[in-house]
PDB file of all heavy atoms in Angstrom:
ATOM      1  N   THR A   1      42.408 175.392 125.688  1.00  0.00           N
ATOM      2  CA  THR A   1      42.437 174.895 127.076  1.00  0.00           C
ATOM      3  C   THR A   1      41.124 174.303 127.552  1.00  0.00           C
ATOM      4  O   THR A   1      41.124 173.521 128.512  1.00  0.00           O
ATOM      5  CB  THR A   1      42.807 176.034 128.052  1.00  0.00           C
ATOM      6  OG1 THR A   1      41.777 177.040 128.011  1.00  0.00           O
ATOM      7  CG2 THR A   1      44.155 176.647 127.709  1.00  0.00           C
ATOM      8  N   GLY A   2      40.028 174.705 126.943  1.00  0.00           N
ATOM      9  CA  GLY A   2      38.732 174.271 127.439  1.00  0.00           C
ATOM     10  C   GLY A   2      38.220 175.124 128.591  1.00  0.00           C
ATOM     11  O   GLY A   2      37.128 174.913 129.111  1.00  0.00           O
ATOM     12  N   VAL A   3      39.005 176.130 129.011  1.00  0.00           N
ATOM     13  CA  VAL A   3      38.567 177.056 130.058  1.00  0.00           C
ATOM     14  C   VAL A   3      37.598 178.049 129.393  1.00  0.00           C
ATOM     15  O   VAL A   3      37.971 178.700 128.422  1.00  0.00           O
ATOM     16  CB  VAL A   3      39.764 177.806 130.697  1.00  0.00           C
ATOM     17  CG1 VAL A   3      39.282 178.830 131.711  1.00  0.00           C
ATOM     18  CG2 VAL A   3      40.730 176.831 131.337  1.00  0.00           C
ATOM     19  N   PRO A   4      36.368 178.130 129.885  1.00  0.00           N
ATOM     20  CA  PRO A   4      35.400 179.033 129.257  1.00  0.00           C
ATOM     21  C   PRO A   4      35.903 180.480 129.212  1.00  0.00           C
ATOM     22  O   PRO A   4      36.531 180.963 130.150  1.00  0.00           O
ATOM     23  CB  PRO A   4      34.166 178.914 130.159  1.00  0.00           C
ATOM     24  CG  PRO A   4      34.324 177.603 130.859  1.00  0.00           C
ATOM     25  CD  PRO A   4      35.803 177.403 131.017  1.00  0.00           C
ATOM     26  N   ARG A   5      35.624 181.144 128.108  1.00  0.00           N
ATOM     27  CA  ARG A   5      36.067 182.529 127.928  1.00  0.00           C
ATOM     28  C   ARG A   5      35.582 183.438 129.042  1.00  0.00           C
ATOM     29  O   ARG A   5      36.304 184.324 129.496  1.00  0.00           O
ATOM     30  CB  ARG A   5      35.582 183.050 126.564  1.00  0.00           C
ATOM     31  CG  ARG A   5      36.124 184.410 126.243  1.00  0.00           C
ATOM     32  CD  ARG A   5      35.849 184.785 124.766  1.00  0.00           C
ATOM     33  NE  ARG A   5      36.096 186.184 124.580  1.00  0.00           N
ATOM     34  CZ  ARG A   5      35.146 187.127 124.681  1.00  0.00           C
ATOM     35  NH1 ARG A   5      33.903 186.811 124.930  1.00  0.00           N
ATOM     36  NH2 ARG A   5      35.458 188.402 124.498  1.00  0.00           N
ATOM     37  N   GLN A   6      34.351 183.212 129.516  1.00  0.00           N
ATOM     38  CA  GLN A   6      33.839 184.034 130.616  1.00  0.00           C
ATOM     39  C   GLN A   6      34.681 183.882 131.889  1.00  0.00           C
ATOM     40  O   GLN A   6      34.875 184.840 132.632  1.00  0.00           O
ATOM     41  CB  GLN A   6      32.363 183.712 130.895  1.00  0.00           C
ATOM     42  CG  GLN A   6      31.429 184.208 129.822  1.00  0.00           C
ATOM     43  CD  GLN A   6      31.539 185.709 129.598  1.00  0.00           C
ATOM     44  OE1 GLN A   6      31.594 186.499 130.540  1.00  0.00           O
ATOM     45  NE2 GLN A   6      31.602 186.110 128.342  1.00  0.00           N
ATOM     46  N   MET A   7      35.212 182.683 132.124  1.00  0.00           N
ATOM     47  CA  MET A   7      36.096 182.474 133.286  1.00  0.00           C
ATOM     48  C   MET A   7      37.415 183.210 133.054  1.00  0.00           C
ATOM     49  O   MET A   7      37.952 183.826 133.986  1.00  0.00           O
ATOM     50  CB  MET A   7      36.361 180.989 133.526  1.00  0.00           C
ATOM     51  CG  MET A   7      35.178 180.242 134.069  1.00  0.00           C
ATOM     52  SD  MET A   7      34.606 180.887 135.671  1.00  0.00           S
ATOM     53  CE  MET A   7      35.932 180.343 136.721  1.00  0.00           C
ATOM     54  N   ILE A   8      37.952 183.118 131.840  1.00  0.00           N
ATOM     55  CA  ILE A   8      39.200 183.821 131.513  1.00  0.00           C
ATOM     56  C   ILE A   8      39.028 185.318 131.755  1.00  0.00           C
ATOM     57  O   ILE A   8      39.889 185.965 132.355  1.00  0.00           O
ATOM     58  CB  ILE A   8      39.634 183.528 130.065  1.00  0.00           C
ATOM     59  CG1 ILE A   8      39.985 182.035 129.911  1.00  0.00           C
ATOM     60  CG2 ILE A   8      40.793 184.421 129.646  1.00  0.00           C
ATOM     61  CD1 ILE A   8      40.202 181.581 128.477  1.00  0.00           C
ATOM     62  N   ILE A   9      37.898 185.855 131.316  1.00  0.00           N
ATOM     63  CA  ILE A   9      37.613 187.291 131.509  1.00  0.00           C
ATOM     64  C   ILE A   9      37.571 187.621 132.996  1.00  0.00           C
ATOM     65  O   ILE A   9      38.156 188.616 133.445  1.00  0.00           O
ATOM     66  CB  ILE A   9      36.297 187.677 130.811  1.00  0.00           C
ATOM     67  CG1 ILE A   9      36.474 187.625 129.289  1.00  0.00           C
ATOM     68  CG2 ILE A   9      35.813 189.056 131.256  1.00  0.00           C
ATOM     69  CD1 ILE A   9      35.185 187.719 128.498  1.00  0.00           C
ATOM     70  N   ARG A  10      36.892 186.780 133.778  1.00  0.00           N
ATOM     71  CA  ARG A  10      36.790 187.044 135.225  1.00  0.00           C
ATOM     72  C   ARG A  10      38.149 186.963 135.898  1.00  0.00           C
ATOM     73  O   ARG A  10      38.454 187.766 136.767  1.00  0.00           O
ATOM     74  CB  ARG A  10      35.818 186.058 135.865  1.00  0.00           C
ATOM     75  CG  ARG A  10      34.368 186.313 135.404  1.00  0.00           C
ATOM     76  CD  ARG A  10      33.414 185.295 135.909  1.00  0.00           C
ATOM     77  NE  ARG A  10      33.180 185.496 137.333  1.00  0.00           N
ATOM     78  CZ  ARG A  10      32.604 184.612 138.134  1.00  0.00           C
ATOM     79  NH1 ARG A  10      32.219 183.456 137.634  1.00  0.00           N
ATOM     80  NH2 ARG A  10      32.441 184.866 139.400  1.00  0.00           N
ATOM     81  N   TYR A  11      38.992 186.015 135.485  1.00  0.00           N
ATOM     82  CA  TYR A  11      40.364 185.929 136.010  1.00  0.00           C
ATOM     83  C   TYR A  11      41.131 187.200 135.684  1.00  0.00           C
ATOM     84  O   TYR A  11      41.778 187.797 136.533  1.00  0.00           O
ATOM     85  CB  TYR A  11      41.121 184.738 135.418  1.00  0.00           C
ATOM     86  CG  TYR A  11      40.612 183.370 135.789  1.00  0.00           C
ATOM     87  CD1 TYR A  11      40.782 182.313 134.902  1.00  0.00           C
ATOM     88  CD2 TYR A  11      40.001 183.101 137.007  1.00  0.00           C
ATOM     89  CE1 TYR A  11      40.357 181.023 135.205  1.00  0.00           C
ATOM     90  CE2 TYR A  11      39.555 181.821 137.323  1.00  0.00           C
ATOM     91  CZ  TYR A  11      39.733 180.790 136.429  1.00  0.00           C
ATOM     92  OH  TYR A  11      39.319 179.529 136.733  1.00  0.00           O
ATOM     93  N   GLU A  12      41.087 187.607 134.414  1.00  0.00           N
ATOM     94  CA  GLU A  12      41.871 188.740 133.957  1.00  0.00           C
ATOM     95  C   GLU A  12      41.402 190.061 134.568  1.00  0.00           C
ATOM     96  O   GLU A  12      42.208 190.972 134.732  1.00  0.00           O
ATOM     97  CB  GLU A  12      41.869 188.824 132.440  1.00  0.00           C
ATOM     98  CG  GLU A  12      42.641 187.692 131.801  1.00  0.00           C
ATOM     99  CD  GLU A  12      42.784 187.804 130.289  1.00  0.00           C
ATOM    100  OE1 GLU A  12      42.328 188.806 129.711  1.00  0.00           O
ATOM    101  OE2 GLU A  12      43.368 186.878 129.698  1.00  0.00           O
ATOM    102  N   LYS A  13      40.131 190.158 134.909  1.00  0.00           N
ATOM    103  CA  LYS A  13      39.629 191.381 135.550  1.00  0.00           C
ATOM    104  C   LYS A  13      39.831 191.358 137.056  1.00  0.00           C
ATOM    105  O   LYS A  13      39.508 192.331 137.738  1.00  0.00           O
ATOM    106  CB  LYS A  13      38.149 191.572 135.224  1.00  0.00           C
ATOM    107  CG  LYS A  13      37.904 191.985 133.800  1.00  0.00           C
ATOM    108  CD  LYS A  13      36.454 192.289 133.550  1.00  0.00           C
ATOM    109  CE  LYS A  13      36.270 192.839 132.154  1.00  0.00           C
ATOM    110  NZ  LYS A  13      34.913 193.290 131.903  1.00  0.00           N
ATOM    111  N   GLY A  14      40.322 190.227 137.582  1.00  0.00           N
ATOM    112  CA  GLY A  14      40.548 190.140 139.017  1.00  0.00           C
ATOM    113  C   GLY A  14      39.288 189.875 139.822  1.00  0.00           C
ATOM    114  O   GLY A  14      39.277 190.045 141.033  1.00  0.00           O
ATOM    115  N   LYS A  15      38.231 189.466 139.138  1.00  0.00           N
ATOM    116  CA  LYS A  15      36.971 189.164 139.838  1.00  0.00           C
ATOM    117  C   LYS A  15      37.119 187.907 140.688  1.00  0.00           C
ATOM    118  O   LYS A  15      36.540 187.825 141.769  1.00  0.00           O
ATOM    119  CB  LYS A  15      35.823 188.977 138.838  1.00  0.00           C
ATOM    120  CG  LYS A  15      35.552 190.170 137.981  1.00  0.00           C
ATOM    121  CD  LYS A  15      34.941 191.288 138.765  1.00  0.00           C
ATOM    122  CE  LYS A  15      34.616 192.451 137.849  1.00  0.00           C
ATOM    123  NZ  LYS A  15      34.243 193.630 138.574  1.00  0.00           N
ATOM    124  N   ILE A  16      37.860 186.923 140.170  1.00  0.00           N
ATOM    125  CA  ILE A  16      38.152 185.712 140.931  1.00  0.00           C
ATOM    126  C   ILE A  16      39.602 185.324 140.652  1.00  0.00           C
ATOM    127  O   ILE A  16      40.174 185.677 139.615  1.00  0.00           O
ATOM    128  CB  ILE A  16      37.213 184.533 140.573  1.00  0.00           C
ATOM    129  CG1 ILE A  16      37.271 184.230 139.071  1.00  0.00           C
ATOM    130  CG2 ILE A  16      35.805 184.801 141.028  1.00  0.00           C
ATOM    131  CD1 ILE A  16      36.502 182.984 138.696  1.00  0.00           C
ATOM    132  N   MET A  17      40.177 184.586 141.581  1.00  0.00           N
ATOM    133  CA  MET A  17      41.553 184.123 141.425  1.00  0.00           C
ATOM    134  C   MET A  17      41.539 182.676 140.962  1.00  0.00           C
ATOM    135  O   MET A  17      40.879 181.845 141.568  1.00  0.00           O
ATOM    136  CB  MET A  17      42.288 184.242 142.768  1.00  0.00           C
ATOM    137  CG  MET A  17      43.752 183.915 142.701  1.00  0.00           C
ATOM    138  SD  MET A  17      44.597 185.061 141.626  1.00  0.00           S
ATOM    139  CE  MET A  17      46.158 184.266 141.495  1.00  0.00           C
ATOM    140  N   PRO A  18      42.237 182.389 139.851  1.00  0.00           N
ATOM    141  CA  PRO A  18      42.257 181.004 139.376  1.00  0.00           C
ATOM    142  C   PRO A  18      42.996 180.071 140.337  1.00  0.00           C
ATOM    143  O   PRO A  18      43.903 180.505 141.044  1.00  0.00           O
ATOM    144  CB  PRO A  18      42.983 181.094 138.028  1.00  0.00           C
ATOM    145  CG  PRO A  18      43.784 182.338 138.102  1.00  0.00           C
ATOM    146  CD  PRO A  18      43.057 183.264 139.025  1.00  0.00           C
ATOM    147  N   THR A  19      42.603 178.822 140.338  1.00  0.00           N
ATOM    148  CA  THR A  19      43.337 177.831 141.111  1.00  0.00           C
ATOM    149  C   THR A  19      44.681 177.604 140.432  1.00  0.00           C
ATOM    150  O   THR A  19      44.901 178.027 139.293  1.00  0.00           O
ATOM    151  CB  THR A  19      42.568 176.477 141.147  1.00  0.00           C
ATOM    152  OG1 THR A  19      42.482 175.987 139.801  1.00  0.00           O
ATOM    153  CG2 THR A  19      41.192 176.628 141.783  1.00  0.00           C
ATOM    154  N   VAL A  20      45.589 176.916 141.114  1.00  0.00           N
ATOM    155  CA  VAL A  20      46.879 176.599 140.515  1.00  0.00           C
ATOM    156  C   VAL A  20      46.664 175.772 139.252  1.00  0.00           C
ATOM    157  O   VAL A  20      47.284 176.023 138.216  1.00  0.00           O
ATOM    158  CB  VAL A  20      47.777 175.845 141.535  1.00  0.00           C
ATOM    159  CG1 VAL A  20      49.026 175.315 140.877  1.00  0.00           C
ATOM    160  CG2 VAL A  20      48.120 176.750 142.700  1.00  0.00           C
ATOM    161  N   ARG A  21      45.776 174.813 139.314  1.00  0.00           N
ATOM    162  CA  ARG A  21      45.482 173.964 138.156  1.00  0.00           C
ATOM    163  C   ARG A  21      44.981 174.800 136.976  1.00  0.00           C
ATOM    164  O   ARG A  21      45.440 174.644 135.840  1.00  0.00           O
ATOM    165  CB  ARG A  21      44.483 172.894 138.521  1.00  0.00           C
ATOM    166  CG  ARG A  21      44.120 171.994 137.312  1.00  0.00           C
ATOM    167  CD  ARG A  21      43.154 170.907 137.688  1.00  0.00           C
ATOM    168  NE  ARG A  21      43.916 169.912 138.451  1.00  0.00           N
ATOM    169  CZ  ARG A  21      43.377 168.982 139.198  1.00  0.00           C
ATOM    170  NH1 ARG A  21      42.057 168.893 139.311  1.00  0.00           N
ATOM    171  NH2 ARG A  21      44.106 168.117 139.842  1.00  0.00           N
ATOM    172  N   ALA A  22      44.025 175.696 137.242  1.00  0.00           N
ATOM    173  CA  ALA A  22      43.479 176.539 136.183  1.00  0.00           C
ATOM    174  C   ALA A  22      44.544 177.462 135.610  1.00  0.00           C
ATOM    175  O   ALA A  22      44.622 177.653 134.393  1.00  0.00           O
ATOM    176  CB  ALA A  22      42.295 177.345 136.704  1.00  0.00           C
ATOM    177  N   MET A  23      45.367 178.031 136.478  1.00  0.00           N
ATOM    178  CA  MET A  23      46.425 178.938 136.013  1.00  0.00           C
ATOM    179  C   MET A  23      47.407 178.195 135.121  1.00  0.00           C
ATOM    180  O   MET A  23      47.822 178.699 134.067  1.00  0.00           O
ATOM    181  CB  MET A  23      47.147 179.556 137.218  1.00  0.00           C
ATOM    182  CG  MET A  23      48.002 180.750 136.883  1.00  0.00           C
ATOM    183  SD  MET A  23      46.986 182.195 136.491  1.00  0.00           S
ATOM    184  CE  MET A  23      47.646 182.620 134.902  1.00  0.00           C
ATOM    185  N   ASN A  24      47.768 176.975 135.500  1.00  0.00           N
ATOM    186  CA  ASN A  24      48.682 176.184 134.672  1.00  0.00           C
ATOM    187  C   ASN A  24      48.036 175.814 133.335  1.00  0.00           C
ATOM    188  O   ASN A  24      48.721 175.770 132.319  1.00  0.00           O
ATOM    189  CB  ASN A  24      49.168 174.948 135.412  1.00  0.00           C
ATOM    190  CG  ASN A  24      50.377 175.250 136.279  1.00  0.00           C
ATOM    191  OD1 ASN A  24      51.225 176.055 135.925  1.00  0.00           O
ATOM    192  ND2 ASN A  24      50.446 174.600 137.415  1.00  0.00           N
ATOM    193  N   ARG A  25      46.726 175.578 133.335  1.00  0.00           N
ATOM    194  CA  ARG A  25      46.038 175.300 132.062  1.00  0.00           C
ATOM    195  C   ARG A  25      46.113 176.505 131.126  1.00  0.00           C
ATOM    196  O   ARG A  25      46.257 176.344 129.919  1.00  0.00           O
ATOM    197  CB  ARG A  25      44.564 174.946 132.307  1.00  0.00           C
ATOM    198  CG  ARG A  25      44.380 173.544 132.833  1.00  0.00           C
ATOM    199  CD  ARG A  25      42.956 173.226 133.171  1.00  0.00           C
ATOM    200  NE  ARG A  25      42.074 173.198 131.995  1.00  0.00           N
ATOM    201  CZ  ARG A  25      40.769 173.136 132.068  1.00  0.00           C
ATOM    202  NH1 ARG A  25      40.169 173.105 133.242  1.00  0.00           N
ATOM    203  NH2 ARG A  25      40.034 173.108 130.981  1.00  0.00           N
ATOM    204  N   LEU A  26      46.020 177.696 131.697  1.00  0.00           N
ATOM    205  CA  LEU A  26      46.100 178.910 130.880  1.00  0.00           C
ATOM    206  C   LEU A  26      47.537 179.216 130.442  1.00  0.00           C
ATOM    207  O   LEU A  26      47.762 179.730 129.344  1.00  0.00           O
ATOM    208  CB  LEU A  26      45.551 180.113 131.669  1.00  0.00           C
ATOM    209  CG  LEU A  26      44.082 180.038 132.040  1.00  0.00           C
ATOM    210  CD1 LEU A  26      43.699 181.206 132.925  1.00  0.00           C
ATOM    211  CD2 LEU A  26      43.200 179.993 130.801  1.00  0.00           C
ATOM    212  N   LEU A  27      48.494 178.892 131.267  1.00  0.00           N
ATOM    213  CA  LEU A  27      49.902 179.187 130.971  1.00  0.00           C
ATOM    214  C   LEU A  27      50.531 178.194 129.999  1.00  0.00           C
ATOM    215  O   LEU A  27      51.410 178.563 129.213  1.00  0.00           O
ATOM    216  CB  LEU A  27      50.724 179.228 132.257  1.00  0.00           C
ATOM    217  CG  LEU A  27      50.502 180.429 133.169  1.00  0.00           C
ATOM    218  CD1 LEU A  27      51.173 180.211 134.505  1.00  0.00           C
ATOM    219  CD2 LEU A  27      50.988 181.708 132.499  1.00  0.00           C
ATOM    220  N   GLU A  28      50.098 176.952 130.034  1.00  0.00           N
ATOM    221  CA  GLU A  28      50.737 175.898 129.228  1.00  0.00           C
ATOM    222  C   GLU A  28      50.789 176.247 127.737  1.00  0.00           C
ATOM    223  O   GLU A  28      51.870 176.132 127.114  1.00  0.00           O
ATOM    224  CB  GLU A  28      50.037 174.562 129.443  1.00  0.00           C
ATOM    225  CG  GLU A  28      50.758 173.418 128.748  1.00  0.00           C
ATOM    226  CD  GLU A  28      50.097 172.081 129.030  1.00  0.00           C
ATOM    227  OE1 GLU A  28      49.381 171.944 130.027  1.00  0.00           O
ATOM    228  OE2 GLU A  28      50.314 171.184 128.208  1.00  0.00           O
ATOM    229  N   PRO A  29      49.701 176.689 127.102  1.00  0.00           N
ATOM    230  CA  PRO A  29      49.782 177.024 125.678  1.00  0.00           C
ATOM    231  C   PRO A  29      50.710 178.203 125.385  1.00  0.00           C
ATOM    232  O   PRO A  29      51.141 178.404 124.256  1.00  0.00           O
ATOM    233  CB  PRO A  29      48.352 177.381 125.286  1.00  0.00           C
ATOM    234  CG  PRO A  29      47.499 176.930 126.398  1.00  0.00           C
ATOM    235  CD  PRO A  29      48.359 176.812 127.612  1.00  0.00           C
ATOM    236  N   LEU A  30      51.018 178.984 126.427  1.00  0.00           N
ATOM    237  CA  LEU A  30      51.915 180.123 126.276  1.00  0.00           C
ATOM    238  C   LEU A  30      53.375 179.712 126.490  1.00  0.00           C
ATOM    239  O   LEU A  30      54.283 180.517 126.360  1.00  0.00           O
ATOM    240  CB  LEU A  30      51.538 181.233 127.264  1.00  0.00           C
ATOM    241  CG  LEU A  30      50.066 181.679 127.250  1.00  0.00           C
ATOM    242  CD1 LEU A  30      49.828 182.735 128.324  1.00  0.00           C
ATOM    243  CD2 LEU A  30      49.671 182.198 125.887  1.00  0.00           C
ATOM    244  N   GLY A  31      53.566 178.430 126.882  1.00  0.00           N
ATOM    245  CA  GLY A  31      54.915 177.924 127.111  1.00  0.00           C
ATOM    246  C   GLY A  31      55.438 178.158 128.510  1.00  0.00           C
ATOM    247  O   GLY A  31      56.646 178.150 128.733  1.00  0.00           O
ATOM    248  N   TYR A  32      54.545 178.331 129.466  1.00  0.00           N
ATOM    249  CA  TYR A  32      54.930 178.601 130.856  1.00  0.00           C
ATOM    250  C   TYR A  32      54.154 177.700 131.805  1.00  0.00           C
ATOM    251  O   TYR A  32      53.151 177.094 131.434  1.00  0.00           O
ATOM    252  CB  TYR A  32      54.653 180.063 131.223  1.00  0.00           C
ATOM    253  CG  TYR A  32      55.579 181.039 130.536  1.00  0.00           C
ATOM    254  CD1 TYR A  32      55.289 181.500 129.258  1.00  0.00           C
ATOM    255  CD2 TYR A  32      56.740 181.458 131.154  1.00  0.00           C
ATOM    256  CE1 TYR A  32      56.149 182.383 128.610  1.00  0.00           C
ATOM    257  CE2 TYR A  32      57.593 182.347 130.516  1.00  0.00           C
ATOM    258  CZ  TYR A  32      57.292 182.792 129.256  1.00  0.00           C
ATOM    259  OH  TYR A  32      58.135 183.666 128.608  1.00  0.00           O
ATOM    260  N   GLN A  33      54.623 177.660 133.057  1.00  0.00           N
ATOM    261  CA  GLN A  33      53.911 177.003 134.138  1.00  0.00           C
ATOM    262  C   GLN A  33      54.266 177.704 135.440  1.00  0.00           C
ATOM    263  O   GLN A  33      55.277 178.395 135.526  1.00  0.00           O
ATOM    264  CB  GLN A  33      54.279 175.526 134.226  1.00  0.00           C
ATOM    265  CG  GLN A  33      55.710 175.264 134.647  1.00  0.00           C
ATOM    266  CD  GLN A  33      56.004 173.776 134.715  1.00  0.00           C
ATOM    267  OE1 GLN A  33      55.239 172.950 134.271  1.00  0.00           O
ATOM    268  NE2 GLN A  33      57.144 173.452 135.284  1.00  0.00           N
TER     269      GLN A  33
END
């Protein structure tokens, strides 16, 4: 996705909430949107 791993970690720990665009970038390789 090109989303830095540190950002993914922060999203997953609930430190920050991803934007809709960022969330879709993370979901797309998983087959979701």
